[in-house]
């Protein structure tokens, strides 16, 4: 079978230690002090060739507290009409910026960082629209800067091993894929998950993970049908995508902010089936059954919270002068954002960012 997502550099190394330095130390700036920023930064502290240089927040107090908690040398908040993130990207000692703001701000912050000559890692979803994504990619290409969407699951051992099994032919020809991710999110109007201006909704926050199982085993689809449930504010509380391929293969993907789901992925082929144990974005066990034979269980070891794998890739690429990761290439980000634009058109979802053209 075709390998739709290239193996990470780290998986080809022996030993494949994400905590082993690969070059000179990079000085990181983190934009945001939210939950994902804290989680990813904790893994970043484990890299010996990473230096926590600066963090920014709209609130100077939050930035200072975050810096003290995690060990950043500098903290930037909004000051004299200048946003904290702009003060951070203009710091000459920052080498690479991790953008962990709500989706609606990704384009604005990442653009400012690229214009300031910084390498950039942008949390998924990369942007709100494909137009925004294309603008950032064009800017990074013109400036010769590294840019990547932080789809960390592409780099974790469980995901890579699942793709390897599918590619090996052990399952035969993959015919269908299903994957789901969901949890009931409290309907707090102030939460980014439900805020239309922040790019809220299940699509931009969750769907990248179920979609990854389809992309990794079947590639991008030839056609797509979407159904979903919208709030009064126009964000999707849940959605189901059906992907169709020219060879007759299908993928069914569910994302929900309303209900708990099994959070499993299934890859079904003519000779066997693979299912996951543990969340689909970082599976810790893979169950493989060929035909009617007894199932084989493969357990995967994960270093730290699992973000160290993508952080190692970002670090290595920048150290070696590579502007895009082969495992998370720009074309996949652009194709994903175009796919999401198509889903939004079918569901009737629009965001303020749509007017920024």
C-alpha atoms as a PDB file:
ATOM      1  CA  UNK A   1       0.000   0.000   0.000  1.00  0.00           C
ATOM      2  CA  UNK A   2       0.973   3.633  -0.445  1.00  0.00           C
ATOM      3  CA  UNK A   3       2.524   5.455   2.473  1.00  0.00           C
ATOM      4  CA  UNK A   4       0.294   8.538   2.684  1.00  0.00           C
ATOM      5  CA  UNK A   5       2.096  10.151   5.631  1.00  0.00           C
ATOM      6  CA  UNK A   6       5.871  10.017   5.576  1.00  0.00           C
ATOM      7  CA  UNK A   7       7.634   8.424   8.526  1.00  0.00           C
ATOM      8  CA  UNK A   8       9.121  10.950  10.956  1.00  0.00           C
ATOM      9  CA  UNK A   9      12.882  11.278  10.953  1.00  0.00           C
ATOM     10  CA  UNK A  10      12.940  10.112  14.571  1.00  0.00           C
ATOM     11  CA  UNK A  11      11.263   6.768  13.792  1.00  0.00           C
ATOM     12  CA  UNK A  12      14.123   5.923  11.404  1.00  0.00           C
ATOM     13  CA  UNK A  13      16.802   6.459  14.044  1.00  0.00           C
ATOM     14  CA  UNK A  14      18.300   3.837  16.371  1.00  0.00           C
ATOM     15  CA  UNK A  15      17.760   4.505  19.183  1.00  0.00           C
ATOM     16  CA  UNK A  16      14.732   6.707  18.519  1.00  0.00           C
ATOM     17  CA  UNK A  17      15.060   8.947  21.554  1.00  0.00           C
ATOM     18  CA  UNK A  18      13.060  12.206  21.257  1.00  0.00           C
ATOM     19  CA  UNK A  19      14.992  13.634  24.200  1.00  0.00           C
ATOM     20  CA  UNK A  20      18.405  13.321  22.526  1.00  0.00           C
ATOM     21  CA  UNK A  21      19.717  16.688  21.316  1.00  0.00           C
ATOM     22  CA  UNK A  22      20.054  17.079  17.551  1.00  0.00           C
ATOM     23  CA  UNK A  23      21.943  20.371  17.355  1.00  0.00           C
ATOM     24  CA  UNK A  24      22.313  23.864  18.742  1.00  0.00           C
ATOM     25  CA  UNK A  25      19.897  25.146  21.361  1.00  0.00           C
ATOM     26  CA  UNK A  26      16.812  26.976  20.098  1.00  0.00           C
ATOM     27  CA  UNK A  27      15.215  29.773  22.099  1.00  0.00           C
ATOM     28  CA  UNK A  28      11.446  29.370  22.221  1.00  0.00           C
ATOM     29  CA  UNK A  29       8.675  31.895  22.593  1.00  0.00           C
ATOM     30  CA  UNK A  30       5.188  30.650  23.513  1.00  0.00           C
ATOM     31  CA  UNK A  31       2.128  32.745  22.707  1.00  0.00           C
ATOM     32  CA  UNK A  32      -0.691  31.994  25.159  1.00  0.00           C
ATOM     33  CA  UNK A  33      -0.886  30.715  28.709  1.00  0.00           C
ATOM     34  CA  UNK A  34      -3.832  28.356  28.206  1.00  0.00           C
ATOM     35  CA  UNK A  35      -4.094  24.648  28.877  1.00  0.00           C
ATOM     36  CA  UNK A  36      -2.511  23.356  25.664  1.00  0.00           C
ATOM     37  CA  UNK A  37       0.336  25.874  25.982  1.00  0.00           C
ATOM     38  CA  UNK A  38       1.084  24.573  29.470  1.00  0.00           C
ATOM     39  CA  UNK A  39       0.911  20.900  28.440  1.00  0.00           C
ATOM     40  CA  UNK A  40       3.146  21.294  25.393  1.00  0.00           C
ATOM     41  CA  UNK A  41       5.609  23.511  27.247  1.00  0.00           C
ATOM     42  CA  UNK A  42       6.032  20.890  29.959  1.00  0.00           C
ATOM     43  CA  UNK A  43       7.217  18.467  27.269  1.00  0.00           C
ATOM     44  CA  UNK A  44       9.374  21.197  25.721  1.00  0.00           C
ATOM     45  CA  UNK A  45      11.261  21.582  29.002  1.00  0.00           C
ATOM     46  CA  UNK A  46      12.508  17.989  28.551  1.00  0.00           C
ATOM     47  CA  UNK A  47      14.435  18.778  25.351  1.00  0.00           C
ATOM     48  CA  UNK A  48      18.083  19.550  26.182  1.00  0.00           C
ATOM     49  CA  UNK A  49      18.424  21.738  23.090  1.00  0.00           C
ATOM     50  CA  UNK A  50      15.398  23.914  23.913  1.00  0.00           C
ATOM     51  CA  UNK A  51      15.553  27.109  25.950  1.00  0.00           C
ATOM     52  CA  UNK A  52      12.361  28.667  27.322  1.00  0.00           C
ATOM     53  CA  UNK A  53      13.025  32.290  26.462  1.00  0.00           C
ATOM     54  CA  UNK A  54       9.675  34.108  26.527  1.00  0.00           C
ATOM     55  CA  UNK A  55       5.938  33.705  26.986  1.00  0.00           C
ATOM     56  CA  UNK A  56       3.164  36.176  26.179  1.00  0.00           C
ATOM     57  CA  UNK A  57      -0.397  36.771  27.257  1.00  0.00           C
ATOM     58  CA  UNK A  58      -2.855  39.630  27.034  1.00  0.00           C
ATOM     59  CA  UNK A  59      -2.465  39.825  30.803  1.00  0.00           C
ATOM     60  CA  UNK A  60       0.993  40.715  32.086  1.00  0.00           C
ATOM     61  CA  UNK A  61       0.190  39.029  35.406  1.00  0.00           C
ATOM     62  CA  UNK A  62      -0.721  35.743  33.715  1.00  0.00           C
ATOM     63  CA  UNK A  63       2.410  35.882  31.598  1.00  0.00           C
ATOM     64  CA  UNK A  64       4.600  36.442  34.656  1.00  0.00           C
ATOM     65  CA  UNK A  65       2.904  33.644  36.594  1.00  0.00           C
ATOM     66  CA  UNK A  66       3.279  31.232  33.664  1.00  0.00           C
ATOM     67  CA  UNK A  67       6.936  32.202  33.222  1.00  0.00           C
ATOM     68  CA  UNK A  68       7.692  31.575  36.887  1.00  0.00           C
ATOM     69  CA  UNK A  69       5.839  28.259  36.902  1.00  0.00           C
ATOM     70  CA  UNK A  70       7.576  26.822  33.839  1.00  0.00           C
ATOM     71  CA  UNK A  71      10.900  28.622  33.827  1.00  0.00           C
ATOM     72  CA  UNK A  72      10.738  31.211  31.049  1.00  0.00           C
ATOM     73  CA  UNK A  73      13.308  33.975  31.150  1.00  0.00           C
ATOM     74  CA  UNK A  74      10.901  36.705  29.982  1.00  0.00           C
ATOM     75  CA  UNK A  75       7.175  37.427  30.152  1.00  0.00           C
ATOM     76  CA  UNK A  76       5.265  39.805  27.881  1.00  0.00           C
ATOM     77  CA  UNK A  77       1.768  41.178  28.390  1.00  0.00           C
ATOM     78  CA  UNK A  78      -0.174  43.864  26.554  1.00  0.00           C
ATOM     79  CA  UNK A  79       1.458  47.210  27.231  1.00  0.00           C
ATOM     80  CA  UNK A  80       0.934  50.747  25.901  1.00  0.00           C
ATOM     81  CA  UNK A  81      -1.403  49.484  23.213  1.00  0.00           C
ATOM     82  CA  UNK A  82       1.077  46.869  22.006  1.00  0.00           C
ATOM     83  CA  UNK A  83      -0.175  43.261  22.291  1.00  0.00           C
ATOM     84  CA  UNK A  84       1.984  40.897  24.301  1.00  0.00           C
ATOM     85  CA  UNK A  85       2.468  38.592  21.327  1.00  0.00           C
ATOM     86  CA  UNK A  86       3.928  41.445  19.261  1.00  0.00           C
ATOM     87  CA  UNK A  87       6.376  42.272  22.012  1.00  0.00           C
ATOM     88  CA  UNK A  88       7.381  38.597  22.059  1.00  0.00           C
ATOM     89  CA  UNK A  89       7.891  38.203  18.301  1.00  0.00           C
ATOM     90  CA  UNK A  90       9.937  41.404  18.227  1.00  0.00           C
ATOM     91  CA  UNK A  91      12.321  40.026  20.859  1.00  0.00           C
ATOM     92  CA  UNK A  92      15.552  39.492  18.871  1.00  0.00           C
ATOM     93  CA  UNK A  93      16.527  36.519  21.028  1.00  0.00           C
ATOM     94  CA  UNK A  94      13.474  34.394  20.135  1.00  0.00           C
ATOM     95  CA  UNK A  95      14.270  31.785  17.465  1.00  0.00           C
ATOM     96  CA  UNK A  96      10.972  29.913  17.184  1.00  0.00           C
ATOM     97  CA  UNK A  97       7.416  30.793  18.224  1.00  0.00           C
ATOM     98  CA  UNK A  98       4.748  28.303  19.307  1.00  0.00           C
ATOM     99  CA  UNK A  99       1.262  29.747  18.699  1.00  0.00           C
ATOM    100  CA  UNK A 100      -1.251  28.243  21.125  1.00  0.00           C
ATOM    101  CA  UNK A 101      -4.009  30.866  21.014  1.00  0.00           C
ATOM    102  CA  UNK A 102      -7.619  30.099  20.025  1.00  0.00           C
ATOM    103  CA  UNK A 103      -7.979  29.286  16.311  1.00  0.00           C
ATOM    104  CA  UNK A 104      -9.359  32.666  15.377  1.00  0.00           C
ATOM    105  CA  UNK A 105      -6.057  34.336  16.309  1.00  0.00           C
ATOM    106  CA  UNK A 106      -3.670  31.837  14.688  1.00  0.00           C
ATOM    107  CA  UNK A 107      -3.315  33.674  11.399  1.00  0.00           C
ATOM    108  CA  UNK A 108      -2.744  37.083  12.992  1.00  0.00           C
ATOM    109  CA  UNK A 109      -0.127  35.865  15.455  1.00  0.00           C
ATOM    110  CA  UNK A 110       1.680  33.491  13.093  1.00  0.00           C
ATOM    111  CA  UNK A 111       1.840  36.170  10.397  1.00  0.00           C
ATOM    112  CA  UNK A 112       3.383  38.624  12.836  1.00  0.00           C
ATOM    113  CA  UNK A 113       5.955  36.042  13.911  1.00  0.00           C
ATOM    114  CA  UNK A 114       6.917  35.186  10.324  1.00  0.00           C
ATOM    115  CA  UNK A 115       7.173  38.869   9.421  1.00  0.00           C
ATOM    116  CA  UNK A 116       9.509  39.269  12.403  1.00  0.00           C
ATOM    117  CA  UNK A 117      11.733  36.530  10.983  1.00  0.00           C
ATOM    118  CA  UNK A 118      10.773  33.787  13.447  1.00  0.00           C
ATOM    119  CA  UNK A 119      10.226  30.102  12.760  1.00  0.00           C
ATOM    120  CA  UNK A 120       6.680  29.096  13.731  1.00  0.00           C
ATOM    121  CA  UNK A 121       4.792  26.101  15.112  1.00  0.00           C
ATOM    122  CA  UNK A 122       1.019  26.705  15.013  1.00  0.00           C
ATOM    123  CA  UNK A 123      -1.399  24.650  17.068  1.00  0.00           C
ATOM    124  CA  UNK A 124      -4.096  22.842  15.100  1.00  0.00           C
ATOM    125  CA  UNK A 125      -6.358  23.773  13.481  1.00  0.00           C
ATOM    126  CA  UNK A 126      -3.706  25.721  11.583  1.00  0.00           C
ATOM    127  CA  UNK A 127      -6.049  28.600  10.736  1.00  0.00           C
ATOM    128  CA  UNK A 128      -9.771  29.140  10.364  1.00  0.00           C
ATOM    129  CA  UNK A 129      -9.794  29.306   6.559  1.00  0.00           C
ATOM    130  CA  UNK A 130      -7.773  27.894   3.677  1.00  0.00           C
ATOM    131  CA  UNK A 131      -7.123  31.443   2.485  1.00  0.00           C
ATOM    132  CA  UNK A 132      -5.405  32.267   5.776  1.00  0.00           C
ATOM    133  CA  UNK A 133      -3.391  29.057   5.607  1.00  0.00           C
ATOM    134  CA  UNK A 134      -2.200  29.782   2.077  1.00  0.00           C
ATOM    135  CA  UNK A 135      -1.092  33.279   3.073  1.00  0.00           C
ATOM    136  CA  UNK A 136       1.044  31.905   5.936  1.00  0.00           C
ATOM    137  CA  UNK A 137       2.605  29.200   3.761  1.00  0.00           C
ATOM    138  CA  UNK A 138       3.417  31.735   1.045  1.00  0.00           C
ATOM    139  CA  UNK A 139       4.982  34.050   3.615  1.00  0.00           C
ATOM    140  CA  UNK A 140       7.105  31.298   5.170  1.00  0.00           C
ATOM    141  CA  UNK A 141       8.265  30.185   1.721  1.00  0.00           C
ATOM    142  CA  UNK A 142       9.180  33.732   0.728  1.00  0.00           C
ATOM    143  CA  UNK A 143      11.115  34.308   3.968  1.00  0.00           C
ATOM    144  CA  UNK A 144      12.765  30.863   4.050  1.00  0.00           C
ATOM    145  CA  UNK A 145      11.342  30.158   7.506  1.00  0.00           C
ATOM    146  CA  UNK A 146      10.153  26.927   9.105  1.00  0.00           C
ATOM    147  CA  UNK A 147       6.392  26.642   9.545  1.00  0.00           C
ATOM    148  CA  UNK A 148       4.345  23.671  10.748  1.00  0.00           C
ATOM    149  CA  UNK A 149       0.876  22.817  11.975  1.00  0.00           C
ATOM    150  CA  UNK A 150       1.105  21.139  15.378  1.00  0.00           C
ATOM    151  CA  UNK A 151      -0.700  17.886  14.600  1.00  0.00           C
ATOM    152  CA  UNK A 152       1.302  16.033  17.238  1.00  0.00           C
ATOM    153  CA  UNK A 153      -0.439  12.707  16.581  1.00  0.00           C
ATOM    154  CA  UNK A 154       1.384  12.301  13.264  1.00  0.00           C
ATOM    155  CA  UNK A 155       4.603  11.772  15.204  1.00  0.00           C
ATOM    156  CA  UNK A 156       3.590   9.537  18.123  1.00  0.00           C
ATOM    157  CA  UNK A 157       4.647   5.846  18.057  1.00  0.00           C
ATOM    158  CA  UNK A 158       1.119   4.412  18.159  1.00  0.00           C
ATOM    159  CA  UNK A 159      -0.086   6.344  15.141  1.00  0.00           C
ATOM    160  CA  UNK A 160       3.045   5.632  13.149  1.00  0.00           C
ATOM    161  CA  UNK A 161       2.886   1.935  13.957  1.00  0.00           C
ATOM    162  CA  UNK A 162      -0.756   1.777  12.864  1.00  0.00           C
ATOM    163  CA  UNK A 163       0.111   3.343   9.521  1.00  0.00           C
ATOM    164  CA  UNK A 164       3.020   0.911   9.171  1.00  0.00           C
ATOM    165  CA  UNK A 165       0.724  -2.074   9.712  1.00  0.00           C
ATOM    166  CA  UNK A 166      -1.770  -0.768   7.154  1.00  0.00           C
ATOM    167  CA  UNK A 167       1.034  -0.127   4.674  1.00  0.00           C
ATOM    168  CA  UNK A 168       2.530  -3.595   5.170  1.00  0.00           C
ATOM    169  CA  UNK A 169      -0.437  -5.374   3.614  1.00  0.00           C
ATOM    170  CA  UNK A 170      -1.210  -7.392   6.735  1.00  0.00           C
ATOM    171  CA  UNK A 171      -4.773  -6.038   6.626  1.00  0.00           C
ATOM    172  CA  UNK A 172      -5.016  -6.559   2.877  1.00  0.00           C
ATOM    173  CA  UNK A 173      -6.520  -3.669   0.932  1.00  0.00           C
ATOM    174  CA  UNK A 174      -8.078  -1.152   3.323  1.00  0.00           C
ATOM    175  CA  UNK A 175     -11.766  -0.755   2.453  1.00  0.00           C
ATOM    176  CA  UNK A 176     -13.146   1.382   5.217  1.00  0.00           C
ATOM    177  CA  UNK A 177     -12.053   3.440   8.201  1.00  0.00           C
ATOM    178  CA  UNK A 178     -14.029   4.773  11.150  1.00  0.00           C
ATOM    179  CA  UNK A 179     -12.844   7.064  13.910  1.00  0.00           C
ATOM    180  CA  UNK A 180     -14.512   9.205  16.546  1.00  0.00           C
ATOM    181  CA  UNK A 181     -13.562  11.759  19.165  1.00  0.00           C
ATOM    182  CA  UNK A 182     -15.968  13.416  21.539  1.00  0.00           C
ATOM    183  CA  UNK A 183     -16.707  14.703  25.011  1.00  0.00           C
ATOM    184  CA  UNK A 184     -19.478  16.838  26.509  1.00  0.00           C
ATOM    185  CA  UNK A 185     -18.073  20.373  26.751  1.00  0.00           C
ATOM    186  CA  UNK A 186     -19.862  22.702  29.188  1.00  0.00           C
ATOM    187  CA  UNK A 187     -21.756  25.305  27.181  1.00  0.00           C
ATOM    188  CA  UNK A 188     -19.931  28.327  28.503  1.00  0.00           C
ATOM    189  CA  UNK A 189     -20.319  31.273  26.076  1.00  0.00           C
ATOM    190  CA  UNK A 190     -16.904  32.523  27.218  1.00  0.00           C
ATOM    191  CA  UNK A 191     -15.218  29.258  26.260  1.00  0.00           C
ATOM    192  CA  UNK A 192     -13.256  29.232  23.009  1.00  0.00           C
ATOM    193  CA  UNK A 193     -15.005  25.946  22.139  1.00  0.00           C
ATOM    194  CA  UNK A 194     -18.334  27.742  21.712  1.00  0.00           C
ATOM    195  CA  UNK A 195     -17.113  31.199  20.649  1.00  0.00           C
ATOM    196  CA  UNK A 196     -17.662  31.928  16.956  1.00  0.00           C
ATOM    197  CA  UNK A 197     -14.996  34.657  16.988  1.00  0.00           C
ATOM    198  CA  UNK A 198     -12.457  32.164  18.359  1.00  0.00           C
ATOM    199  CA  UNK A 199     -13.240  29.622  15.641  1.00  0.00           C
ATOM    200  CA  UNK A 200     -15.165  27.433  18.055  1.00  0.00           C
ATOM    201  CA  UNK A 201     -16.869  24.153  17.282  1.00  0.00           C
ATOM    202  CA  UNK A 202     -16.087  20.469  16.944  1.00  0.00           C
ATOM    203  CA  UNK A 203     -14.745  20.741  13.394  1.00  0.00           C
ATOM    204  CA  UNK A 204     -11.707  22.925  14.029  1.00  0.00           C
ATOM    205  CA  UNK A 205     -11.013  21.603  17.495  1.00  0.00           C
ATOM    206  CA  UNK A 206     -11.513  17.834  17.125  1.00  0.00           C
ATOM    207  CA  UNK A 207     -11.980  16.641  13.562  1.00  0.00           C
ATOM    208  CA  UNK A 208      -8.295  16.762  12.634  1.00  0.00           C
ATOM    209  CA  UNK A 209      -7.793  13.611  14.738  1.00  0.00           C
ATOM    210  CA  UNK A 210     -10.440  11.330  13.202  1.00  0.00           C
ATOM    211  CA  UNK A 211      -9.460  12.737   9.793  1.00  0.00           C
ATOM    212  CA  UNK A 212      -5.854  11.739  10.390  1.00  0.00           C
ATOM    213  CA  UNK A 213      -6.845   8.056  10.412  1.00  0.00           C
ATOM    214  CA  UNK A 214      -8.434   8.399   6.995  1.00  0.00           C
ATOM    215  CA  UNK A 215      -5.538  10.410   5.555  1.00  0.00           C
ATOM    216  CA  UNK A 216      -2.928   8.053   6.995  1.00  0.00           C
ATOM    217  CA  UNK A 217      -4.489   4.905   5.571  1.00  0.00           C
ATOM    218  CA  UNK A 218      -6.421   6.038   2.488  1.00  0.00           C
ATOM    219  CA  UNK A 219      -5.145   9.536   1.710  1.00  0.00           C
ATOM    220  CA  UNK A 220      -7.262  12.609   1.048  1.00  0.00           C
ATOM    221  CA  UNK A 221     -10.728  11.779  -0.287  1.00  0.00           C
ATOM    222  CA  UNK A 222     -12.197  12.370  -3.717  1.00  0.00           C
ATOM    223  CA  UNK A 223     -15.503  13.548  -2.268  1.00  0.00           C
ATOM    224  CA  UNK A 224     -17.007  14.357   1.113  1.00  0.00           C
ATOM    225  CA  UNK A 225     -20.457  14.594   2.644  1.00  0.00           C
ATOM    226  CA  UNK A 226     -21.012  16.339   5.979  1.00  0.00           C
ATOM    227  CA  UNK A 227     -23.900  16.564   8.411  1.00  0.00           C
ATOM    228  CA  UNK A 228     -23.833  18.324  11.738  1.00  0.00           C
ATOM    229  CA  UNK A 229     -25.621  20.123  14.535  1.00  0.00           C
ATOM    230  CA  UNK A 230     -25.171  23.887  14.896  1.00  0.00           C
ATOM    231  CA  UNK A 231     -25.687  26.083  17.940  1.00  0.00           C
ATOM    232  CA  UNK A 232     -27.719  29.281  17.798  1.00  0.00           C
ATOM    233  CA  UNK A 233     -24.403  31.118  17.370  1.00  0.00           C
ATOM    234  CA  UNK A 234     -23.541  29.057  14.315  1.00  0.00           C
ATOM    235  CA  UNK A 235     -20.753  26.782  15.550  1.00  0.00           C
ATOM    236  CA  UNK A 236     -20.965  23.027  15.120  1.00  0.00           C
ATOM    237  CA  UNK A 237     -21.561  21.086  18.317  1.00  0.00           C
ATOM    238  CA  UNK A 238     -21.024  17.805  16.488  1.00  0.00           C
ATOM    239  CA  UNK A 239     -20.497  16.538  12.975  1.00  0.00           C
ATOM    240  CA  UNK A 240     -20.217  13.350  10.951  1.00  0.00           C
ATOM    241  CA  UNK A 241     -18.120  13.287   7.787  1.00  0.00           C
ATOM    242  CA  UNK A 242     -18.354  10.571   5.147  1.00  0.00           C
ATOM    243  CA  UNK A 243     -15.303  10.434   2.892  1.00  0.00           C
ATOM    244  CA  UNK A 244     -15.423   8.609  -0.426  1.00  0.00           C
ATOM    245  CA  UNK A 245     -12.549   7.447  -2.634  1.00  0.00           C
ATOM    246  CA  UNK A 246     -12.378   6.621  -6.330  1.00  0.00           C
ATOM    247  CA  UNK A 247     -11.561   2.984  -5.541  1.00  0.00           C
ATOM    248  CA  UNK A 248     -14.774   2.570  -3.562  1.00  0.00           C
ATOM    249  CA  UNK A 249     -13.237   2.940  -0.082  1.00  0.00           C
ATOM    250  CA  UNK A 250     -15.114   4.880   2.606  1.00  0.00           C
ATOM    251  CA  UNK A 251     -14.332   6.622   5.883  1.00  0.00           C
ATOM    252  CA  UNK A 252     -16.837   7.649   8.569  1.00  0.00           C
ATOM    253  CA  UNK A 253     -15.588  10.259  11.035  1.00  0.00           C
ATOM    254  CA  UNK A 254     -17.453  11.605  14.069  1.00  0.00           C
ATOM    255  CA  UNK A 255     -16.578  14.617  16.238  1.00  0.00           C
ATOM    256  CA  UNK A 256     -18.731  15.816  19.118  1.00  0.00           C
ATOM    257  CA  UNK A 257     -18.756  18.415  21.868  1.00  0.00           C
ATOM    258  CA  UNK A 258     -22.049  16.985  23.158  1.00  0.00           C
ATOM    259  CA  UNK A 259     -21.349  13.387  24.126  1.00  0.00           C
ATOM    260  CA  UNK A 260     -18.727  10.908  25.196  1.00  0.00           C
ATOM    261  CA  UNK A 261     -17.696   8.460  22.522  1.00  0.00           C
ATOM    262  CA  UNK A 262     -15.540   5.329  22.520  1.00  0.00           C
ATOM    263  CA  UNK A 263     -12.668   7.372  21.023  1.00  0.00           C
ATOM    264  CA  UNK A 264     -11.546   4.501  18.862  1.00  0.00           C
ATOM    265  CA  UNK A 265     -10.322   4.064  15.326  1.00  0.00           C
ATOM    266  CA  UNK A 266     -10.918   1.037  13.105  1.00  0.00           C
ATOM    267  CA  UNK A 267      -9.031   0.261   9.912  1.00  0.00           C
ATOM    268  CA  UNK A 268     -10.759  -2.557   8.025  1.00  0.00           C
ATOM    269  CA  UNK A 269      -9.133  -4.423   5.159  1.00  0.00           C
ATOM    270  CA  UNK A 270      -9.799  -7.429   2.955  1.00  0.00           C
ATOM    271  CA  UNK A 271      -7.507  -9.611   5.106  1.00  0.00           C
ATOM    272  CA  UNK A 272      -7.825  -8.163   8.605  1.00  0.00           C
ATOM    273  CA  UNK A 273      -8.751  -5.323  10.925  1.00  0.00           C
ATOM    274  CA  UNK A 274      -6.925  -2.967  13.282  1.00  0.00           C
ATOM    275  CA  UNK A 275      -8.531  -1.205  16.231  1.00  0.00           C
ATOM    276  CA  UNK A 276      -7.095   1.170  18.819  1.00  0.00           C
ATOM    277  CA  UNK A 277      -7.045   1.167  22.600  1.00  0.00           C
ATOM    278  CA  UNK A 278      -6.530   4.526  24.262  1.00  0.00           C
ATOM    279  CA  UNK A 279      -7.453   7.839  22.717  1.00  0.00           C
ATOM    280  CA  UNK A 280      -7.196   7.926  18.936  1.00  0.00           C
ATOM    281  CA  UNK A 281      -4.796  10.877  18.997  1.00  0.00           C
ATOM    282  CA  UNK A 282      -2.183   8.914  20.973  1.00  0.00           C
ATOM    283  CA  UNK A 283      -3.049   5.196  20.998  1.00  0.00           C
ATOM    284  CA  UNK A 284      -1.222   3.081  23.571  1.00  0.00           C
ATOM    285  CA  UNK A 285      -2.381  -0.296  22.203  1.00  0.00           C
ATOM    286  CA  UNK A 286      -3.196  -1.615  18.754  1.00  0.00           C
ATOM    287  CA  UNK A 287      -5.317  -4.736  18.328  1.00  0.00           C
ATOM    288  CA  UNK A 288      -4.708  -6.519  15.028  1.00  0.00           C
ATOM    289  CA  UNK A 289      -6.702  -9.512  13.806  1.00  0.00           C
ATOM    290  CA  UNK A 290      -5.954 -11.184  10.489  1.00  0.00           C
ATOM    291  CA  UNK A 291      -8.967 -13.034   9.133  1.00  0.00           C
ATOM    292  CA  UNK A 292     -10.482 -15.157  11.892  1.00  0.00           C
ATOM    293  CA  UNK A 293      -7.167 -15.710  13.671  1.00  0.00           C
ATOM    294  CA  UNK A 294      -6.715 -14.733  17.330  1.00  0.00           C
ATOM    295  CA  UNK A 295      -6.019 -11.043  17.812  1.00  0.00           C
ATOM    296  CA  UNK A 296      -2.503  -9.727  18.339  1.00  0.00           C
ATOM    297  CA  UNK A 297      -2.048  -6.829  20.766  1.00  0.00           C
ATOM    298  CA  UNK A 298       0.829  -4.407  20.385  1.00  0.00           C
ATOM    299  CA  UNK A 299       1.574  -2.078  23.300  1.00  0.00           C
ATOM    300  CA  UNK A 300       3.307   1.234  22.634  1.00  0.00           C
ATOM    301  CA  UNK A 301       5.567   3.162  24.984  1.00  0.00           C
ATOM    302  CA  UNK A 302       5.122   6.932  25.021  1.00  0.00           C
ATOM    303  CA  UNK A 303       7.745   9.412  26.272  1.00  0.00           C
ATOM    304  CA  UNK A 304       6.293  12.123  28.545  1.00  0.00           C
ATOM    305  CA  UNK A 305       2.887  13.337  27.301  1.00  0.00           C
ATOM    306  CA  UNK A 306       3.754  12.541  23.686  1.00  0.00           C
ATOM    307  CA  UNK A 307       4.359  16.078  22.440  1.00  0.00           C
ATOM    308  CA  UNK A 308       8.131  15.573  22.567  1.00  0.00           C
ATOM    309  CA  UNK A 309       7.981  13.747  19.216  1.00  0.00           C
ATOM    310  CA  UNK A 310       6.640  16.707  17.239  1.00  0.00           C
ATOM    311  CA  UNK A 311       8.872  19.085  19.214  1.00  0.00           C
ATOM    312  CA  UNK A 312      11.899  17.006  18.240  1.00  0.00           C
ATOM    313  CA  UNK A 313      10.837  17.200  14.596  1.00  0.00           C
ATOM    314  CA  UNK A 314      10.443  20.979  14.739  1.00  0.00           C
ATOM    315  CA  UNK A 315      13.787  21.357  16.472  1.00  0.00           C
ATOM    316  CA  UNK A 316      15.630  19.086  14.049  1.00  0.00           C
ATOM    317  CA  UNK A 317      14.158  20.776  10.979  1.00  0.00           C
ATOM    318  CA  UNK A 318      15.118  24.264  12.161  1.00  0.00           C
ATOM    319  CA  UNK A 319      18.589  23.150  13.189  1.00  0.00           C
ATOM    320  CA  UNK A 320      19.133  21.632   9.734  1.00  0.00           C
ATOM    321  CA  UNK A 321      17.660  24.556   7.788  1.00  0.00           C
ATOM    322  CA  UNK A 322      14.565  22.644   6.645  1.00  0.00           C
ATOM    323  CA  UNK A 323      11.499  24.867   6.194  1.00  0.00           C
ATOM    324  CA  UNK A 324       8.769  22.203   6.324  1.00  0.00           C
ATOM    325  CA  UNK A 325       8.466  18.798   7.922  1.00  0.00           C
ATOM    326  CA  UNK A 326       8.145  15.869   5.498  1.00  0.00           C
ATOM    327  CA  UNK A 327       5.757  14.246   7.991  1.00  0.00           C
ATOM    328  CA  UNK A 328       3.557  17.369   8.335  1.00  0.00           C
ATOM    329  CA  UNK A 329       4.079  19.077   4.964  1.00  0.00           C
ATOM    330  CA  UNK A 330       2.473  22.355   3.985  1.00  0.00           C
ATOM    331  CA  UNK A 331       0.400  20.685   1.256  1.00  0.00           C
ATOM    332  CA  UNK A 332      -1.326  18.464   3.834  1.00  0.00           C
ATOM    333  CA  UNK A 333      -2.180  21.485   5.962  1.00  0.00           C
ATOM    334  CA  UNK A 334      -3.549  23.323   2.919  1.00  0.00           C
ATOM    335  CA  UNK A 335      -5.529  20.284   1.756  1.00  0.00           C
ATOM    336  CA  UNK A 336      -6.984  19.882   5.262  1.00  0.00           C
ATOM    337  CA  UNK A 337      -8.029  23.528   5.477  1.00  0.00           C
ATOM    338  CA  UNK A 338      -9.638  23.299   2.009  1.00  0.00           C
ATOM    339  CA  UNK A 339     -11.478  20.180   3.157  1.00  0.00           C
ATOM    340  CA  UNK A 340     -12.665  22.018   6.281  1.00  0.00           C
ATOM    341  CA  UNK A 341     -13.817  24.951   4.147  1.00  0.00           C
ATOM    342  CA  UNK A 342     -15.885  22.449   2.157  1.00  0.00           C
ATOM    343  CA  UNK A 343     -17.372  20.976   5.324  1.00  0.00           C
ATOM    344  CA  UNK A 344     -18.277  24.434   6.618  1.00  0.00           C
ATOM    345  CA  UNK A 345     -19.972  25.244   3.318  1.00  0.00           C
ATOM    346  CA  UNK A 346     -22.126  22.112   3.630  1.00  0.00           C
ATOM    347  CA  UNK A 347     -22.981  22.748   7.266  1.00  0.00           C
ATOM    348  CA  UNK A 348     -23.520  26.501   6.903  1.00  0.00           C
ATOM    349  CA  UNK A 349     -20.731  27.539   9.287  1.00  0.00           C
ATOM    350  CA  UNK A 350     -19.145  30.966   8.868  1.00  0.00           C
ATOM    351  CA  UNK A 351     -16.661  32.839  11.007  1.00  0.00           C
ATOM    352  CA  UNK A 352     -15.522  36.478  11.167  1.00  0.00           C
ATOM    353  CA  UNK A 353     -12.222  35.324   9.627  1.00  0.00           C
ATOM    354  CA  UNK A 354     -14.070  34.521   6.387  1.00  0.00           C
ATOM    355  CA  UNK A 355     -14.277  38.263   5.686  1.00  0.00           C
ATOM    356  CA  UNK A 356     -10.484  38.683   5.847  1.00  0.00           C
ATOM    357  CA  UNK A 357      -9.623  38.313   2.164  1.00  0.00           C
END
